[in-house]
Structure formats: C-alpha cells, structure tokens
Amino acid sequence: MQLVSETRPQVRRDRLLRLPDVEAATGLRKSTIYLLIKRGEFPRCVQVTPRCVAWPESAVLQWVQDRIAQAEGVAQARTAQASGVQQ
C-alpha cells in the first residue's frame, strides 16, 4: 500500500491585531500611530468590517524590528565616530 500526500500551497499564517494590541507591541499611542501612518512611516491598517480595522501582526512586528535595527545602527555609528575622534 502506498500513501499519497497531497500538495497544498502553504498559507502564510498571520494574525490581525486591534489597536490596543498594536499600542502594546509598539509602545505608541493611537494618535502617534495614526500620525506615522499619515506620514507613511507605519504599516497601514486593513478594513476588517465597515467599523473595524486591524493591523497584520507580521507588519507591526517587522516595523518594531526595523526600529531596533535602526537604533543599533545609529549606536554603532556613534561608537565608530567617537573612537575615530579619540585617535
């Protein structure tokens, strides 16, 4: 007897986060989140129902990781600049 496996396309798993969860994940408040969206600096929300929006968790977490990487890059640049000045 031979088992046949079905080949199904992999569905990317993601969750939709409501505003309180986005605030908790980013440390930002509603007004700042919407200001950053307006500036194009934060992921846009998706319309779930006519009166409900949410953010893809992956987009919010990627934004957080990008901010961390950016901060680390600035810190490394300052360290390199400071060590160059002392020589």
N, C-alpha and C. Protein backbone atom coordinates (compact mmCIF):
# COMPACT_ATOMS: atom_id res chain seq x y z
N MET A 1 0.83 -1.16 0.00
CA MET A 1 0.00 0.00 0.00
C MET A 1 0.89 1.24 0.00
N GLN A 2 0.56 2.20 -0.86
CA GLN A 2 1.35 3.41 -0.99
C GLN A 2 0.52 4.61 -0.53
N LEU A 3 1.12 5.43 0.31
CA LEU A 3 0.45 6.64 0.77
C LEU A 3 0.75 7.78 -0.20
N VAL A 4 -0.27 8.49 -0.55
CA VAL A 4 -0.12 9.63 -1.44
C VAL A 4 -0.33 10.89 -0.62
N SER A 5 0.64 11.76 -0.68
CA SER A 5 0.50 13.01 0.07
C SER A 5 -0.02 14.10 -0.86
N GLU A 6 -0.92 14.86 -0.36
CA GLU A 6 -1.45 15.97 -1.13
C GLU A 6 -0.49 17.14 -1.06
N THR A 7 -0.35 17.82 -2.14
CA THR A 7 0.49 19.02 -2.14
C THR A 7 -0.43 20.23 -2.11
N ARG A 8 -0.51 20.83 -0.97
CA ARG A 8 -1.32 22.03 -0.79
C ARG A 8 -0.39 23.22 -0.69
N PRO A 9 -0.82 24.31 -1.26
CA PRO A 9 0.03 25.50 -1.11
C PRO A 9 0.05 25.94 0.35
N GLN A 10 1.22 26.33 0.80
CA GLN A 10 1.36 26.77 2.18
C GLN A 10 0.70 28.14 2.34
N VAL A 11 -0.12 28.25 3.34
CA VAL A 11 -0.78 29.52 3.64
C VAL A 11 0.03 30.23 4.72
N ARG A 12 0.40 31.45 4.43
CA ARG A 12 1.16 32.22 5.40
C ARG A 12 0.26 32.54 6.58
N ARG A 13 0.71 32.18 7.76
CA ARG A 13 -0.08 32.40 8.96
C ARG A 13 0.21 33.80 9.50
N ASP A 14 -0.83 34.51 9.76
CA ASP A 14 -0.70 35.85 10.31
C ASP A 14 -1.94 36.11 11.15
N ARG A 15 -1.83 37.05 12.05
CA ARG A 15 -2.97 37.45 12.87
C ARG A 15 -3.25 38.92 12.62
N LEU A 16 -4.46 39.30 12.90
CA LEU A 16 -4.81 40.71 12.84
C LEU A 16 -4.86 41.26 14.26
N LEU A 17 -4.15 42.35 14.47
CA LEU A 17 -4.08 42.97 15.79
C LEU A 17 -4.99 44.20 15.83
N ARG A 18 -5.76 44.31 16.89
CA ARG A 18 -6.56 45.51 17.10
C ARG A 18 -5.67 46.58 17.74
N LEU A 19 -6.16 47.80 17.79
CA LEU A 19 -5.37 48.94 18.24
C LEU A 19 -4.72 48.74 19.61
N PRO A 20 -5.44 48.24 20.63
CA PRO A 20 -4.76 48.07 21.93
C PRO A 20 -3.55 47.13 21.85
N ASP A 21 -3.64 46.11 21.01
CA ASP A 21 -2.50 45.19 20.85
C ASP A 21 -1.35 45.87 20.10
N VAL A 22 -1.68 46.71 19.13
CA VAL A 22 -0.65 47.45 18.40
C VAL A 22 0.04 48.43 19.34
N GLU A 23 -0.75 49.11 20.17
CA GLU A 23 -0.17 50.03 21.15
C GLU A 23 0.77 49.29 22.10
N ALA A 24 0.35 48.11 22.54
CA ALA A 24 1.18 47.33 23.47
C ALA A 24 2.46 46.85 22.80
N ALA A 25 2.38 46.45 21.54
CA ALA A 25 3.54 45.92 20.83
C ALA A 25 4.56 47.01 20.50
N THR A 26 4.08 48.23 20.27
CA THR A 26 4.98 49.30 19.82
C THR A 26 5.34 50.29 20.92
N GLY A 27 4.52 50.37 21.95
CA GLY A 27 4.73 51.38 22.97
C GLY A 27 4.22 52.75 22.55
N LEU A 28 3.51 52.82 21.44
CA LEU A 28 2.98 54.08 20.94
C LEU A 28 1.50 54.19 21.28
N ARG A 29 1.00 55.41 21.27
CA ARG A 29 -0.42 55.64 21.49
C ARG A 29 -1.12 55.86 20.15
N LYS A 30 -2.43 55.81 20.19
CA LYS A 30 -3.27 55.89 18.99
C LYS A 30 -2.91 57.09 18.11
N SER A 31 -2.79 58.27 18.70
CA SER A 31 -2.52 59.47 17.92
C SER A 31 -1.19 59.38 17.18
N THR A 32 -0.18 58.84 17.82
CA THR A 32 1.14 58.70 17.19
C THR A 32 1.10 57.67 16.08
N ILE A 33 0.40 56.56 16.31
CA ILE A 33 0.28 55.52 15.29
C ILE A 33 -0.36 56.10 14.03
N TYR A 34 -1.48 56.81 14.19
CA TYR A 34 -2.16 57.39 13.02
C TYR A 34 -1.34 58.49 12.37
N LEU A 35 -0.58 59.25 13.15
CA LEU A 35 0.30 60.26 12.57
C LEU A 35 1.38 59.60 11.71
N LEU A 36 1.99 58.53 12.23
CA LEU A 36 3.01 57.81 11.47
C LEU A 36 2.43 57.17 10.21
N ILE A 37 1.20 56.67 10.28
CA ILE A 37 0.55 56.11 9.09
C ILE A 37 0.39 57.22 8.05
N LYS A 38 -0.06 58.38 8.50
CA LYS A 38 -0.26 59.52 7.59
C LYS A 38 1.04 59.90 6.90
N ARG A 39 2.15 59.82 7.64
CA ARG A 39 3.47 60.15 7.08
C ARG A 39 4.05 59.01 6.23
N GLY A 40 3.41 57.84 6.25
CA GLY A 40 3.93 56.68 5.52
C GLY A 40 5.04 55.97 6.27
N GLU A 41 5.09 56.15 7.60
CA GLU A 41 6.17 55.58 8.40
C GLU A 41 5.72 54.42 9.28
N PHE A 42 4.48 53.99 9.13
CA PHE A 42 3.94 52.87 9.91
C PHE A 42 3.01 52.08 9.02
N PRO A 43 2.93 50.76 9.21
CA PRO A 43 2.05 49.94 8.36
C PRO A 43 0.60 50.40 8.42
N ARG A 44 -0.05 50.38 7.28
CA ARG A 44 -1.46 50.75 7.22
C ARG A 44 -2.32 49.63 7.79
N CYS A 45 -3.44 50.02 8.34
CA CYS A 45 -4.39 49.04 8.85
C CYS A 45 -5.23 48.49 7.70
N VAL A 46 -5.87 47.37 7.94
CA VAL A 46 -6.78 46.78 6.96
C VAL A 46 -8.20 46.88 7.50
N GLN A 47 -9.14 47.10 6.60
CA GLN A 47 -10.54 47.19 6.98
C GLN A 47 -11.08 45.78 7.15
N VAL A 48 -11.47 45.42 8.35
CA VAL A 48 -11.99 44.09 8.63
C VAL A 48 -13.50 44.06 8.41
N THR A 49 -14.18 45.05 8.94
CA THR A 49 -15.62 45.25 8.72
C THR A 49 -15.80 46.75 8.50
N PRO A 50 -17.00 47.20 8.18
CA PRO A 50 -17.18 48.65 7.96
C PRO A 50 -16.75 49.51 9.16
N ARG A 51 -16.81 48.97 10.37
CA ARG A 51 -16.45 49.76 11.54
C ARG A 51 -15.28 49.18 12.34
N CYS A 52 -14.49 48.34 11.71
CA CYS A 52 -13.41 47.67 12.43
C CYS A 52 -12.16 47.60 11.56
N VAL A 53 -11.03 48.08 12.12
CA VAL A 53 -9.75 47.96 11.43
C VAL A 53 -8.79 47.18 12.31
N ALA A 54 -7.78 46.62 11.67
CA ALA A 54 -6.75 45.87 12.40
C ALA A 54 -5.47 45.93 11.57
N TRP A 55 -4.39 45.55 12.22
CA TRP A 55 -3.08 45.55 11.56
C TRP A 55 -2.55 44.13 11.48
N PRO A 56 -1.94 43.75 10.34
CA PRO A 56 -1.29 42.44 10.27
C PRO A 56 -0.15 42.38 11.29
N GLU A 57 -0.16 41.35 12.11
CA GLU A 57 0.85 41.22 13.15
C GLU A 57 2.26 41.22 12.57
N SER A 58 2.44 40.55 11.44
CA SER A 58 3.77 40.48 10.84
C SER A 58 4.28 41.86 10.45
N ALA A 59 3.41 42.73 9.96
CA ALA A 59 3.82 44.08 9.57
C ALA A 59 4.21 44.91 10.79
N VAL A 60 3.45 44.78 11.87
CA VAL A 60 3.75 45.53 13.09
C VAL A 60 5.07 45.04 13.69
N LEU A 61 5.24 43.72 13.77
CA LEU A 61 6.48 43.18 14.34
C LEU A 61 7.69 43.53 13.48
N GLN A 62 7.52 43.56 12.16
CA GLN A 62 8.62 43.95 11.27
C GLN A 62 8.98 45.41 11.49
N TRP A 63 7.97 46.26 11.70
CA TRP A 63 8.22 47.67 11.98
C TRP A 63 9.03 47.81 13.27
N VAL A 64 8.67 47.05 14.29
CA VAL A 64 9.40 47.09 15.56
C VAL A 64 10.84 46.65 15.34
N GLN A 65 11.04 45.56 14.61
CA GLN A 65 12.40 45.07 14.35
C GLN A 65 13.22 46.09 13.56
N ASP A 66 12.58 46.75 12.61
CA ASP A 66 13.27 47.78 11.83
C ASP A 66 13.72 48.94 12.72
N ARG A 67 12.88 49.34 13.68
CA ARG A 67 13.26 50.42 14.61
C ARG A 67 14.44 49.99 15.47
N ILE A 68 14.44 48.73 15.92
CA ILE A 68 15.54 48.23 16.74
C ILE A 68 16.83 48.23 15.92
N ALA A 69 16.77 47.73 14.69
CA ALA A 69 17.95 47.69 13.83
C ALA A 69 18.45 49.09 13.54
N GLN A 70 17.54 50.02 13.33
CA GLN A 70 17.91 51.40 13.06
C GLN A 70 18.63 52.00 14.28
N ALA A 71 18.11 51.74 15.46
CA ALA A 71 18.73 52.26 16.68
C ALA A 71 20.11 51.65 16.89
N GLU A 72 20.26 50.37 16.61
CA GLU A 72 21.56 49.72 16.75
C GLU A 72 22.56 50.29 15.75
N GLY A 73 22.10 50.59 14.54
CA GLY A 73 22.96 51.19 13.53
C GLY A 73 23.44 52.56 13.94
N VAL A 74 22.56 53.36 14.52
CA VAL A 74 22.93 54.69 14.99
C VAL A 74 23.94 54.58 16.13
N ALA A 75 23.71 53.64 17.04
CA ALA A 75 24.63 53.45 18.17
C ALA A 75 26.02 53.02 17.68
N GLN A 76 26.06 52.14 16.69
CA GLN A 76 27.35 51.69 16.15
C GLN A 76 28.06 52.84 15.44
N ALA A 77 27.31 53.66 14.73
CA ALA A 77 27.91 54.79 14.04
C ALA A 77 28.48 55.78 15.04
N ARG A 78 27.77 56.02 16.13
CA ARG A 78 28.27 56.93 17.17
C ARG A 78 29.52 56.37 17.82
N THR A 79 29.54 55.08 18.07
CA THR A 79 30.71 54.44 18.67
C THR A 79 31.91 54.56 17.74
N ALA A 80 31.69 54.29 16.45
CA ALA A 80 32.78 54.38 15.48
C ALA A 80 33.27 55.80 15.36
N GLN A 81 32.36 56.77 15.37
CA GLN A 81 32.73 58.17 15.26
C GLN A 81 33.51 58.61 16.50
N ALA A 82 33.07 58.17 17.67
CA ALA A 82 33.74 58.54 18.91
C ALA A 82 35.14 57.94 18.98
N SER A 83 35.30 56.72 18.53
CA SER A 83 36.63 56.09 18.57
C SER A 83 37.55 56.72 17.54
N GLY A 84 37.01 57.22 16.46
CA GLY A 84 37.82 57.90 15.44
C GLY A 84 38.29 59.26 15.91
N VAL A 85 37.49 59.92 16.74
CA VAL A 85 37.84 61.25 17.25
C VAL A 85 38.94 61.14 18.29
N GLN A 86 38.93 60.05 19.08
CA GLN A 86 39.89 59.89 20.18
C GLN A 86 41.27 59.53 19.67
N GLN A 87 41.42 59.04 18.48
CA GLN A 87 42.72 58.60 17.97
C GLN A 87 43.62 59.74 17.61
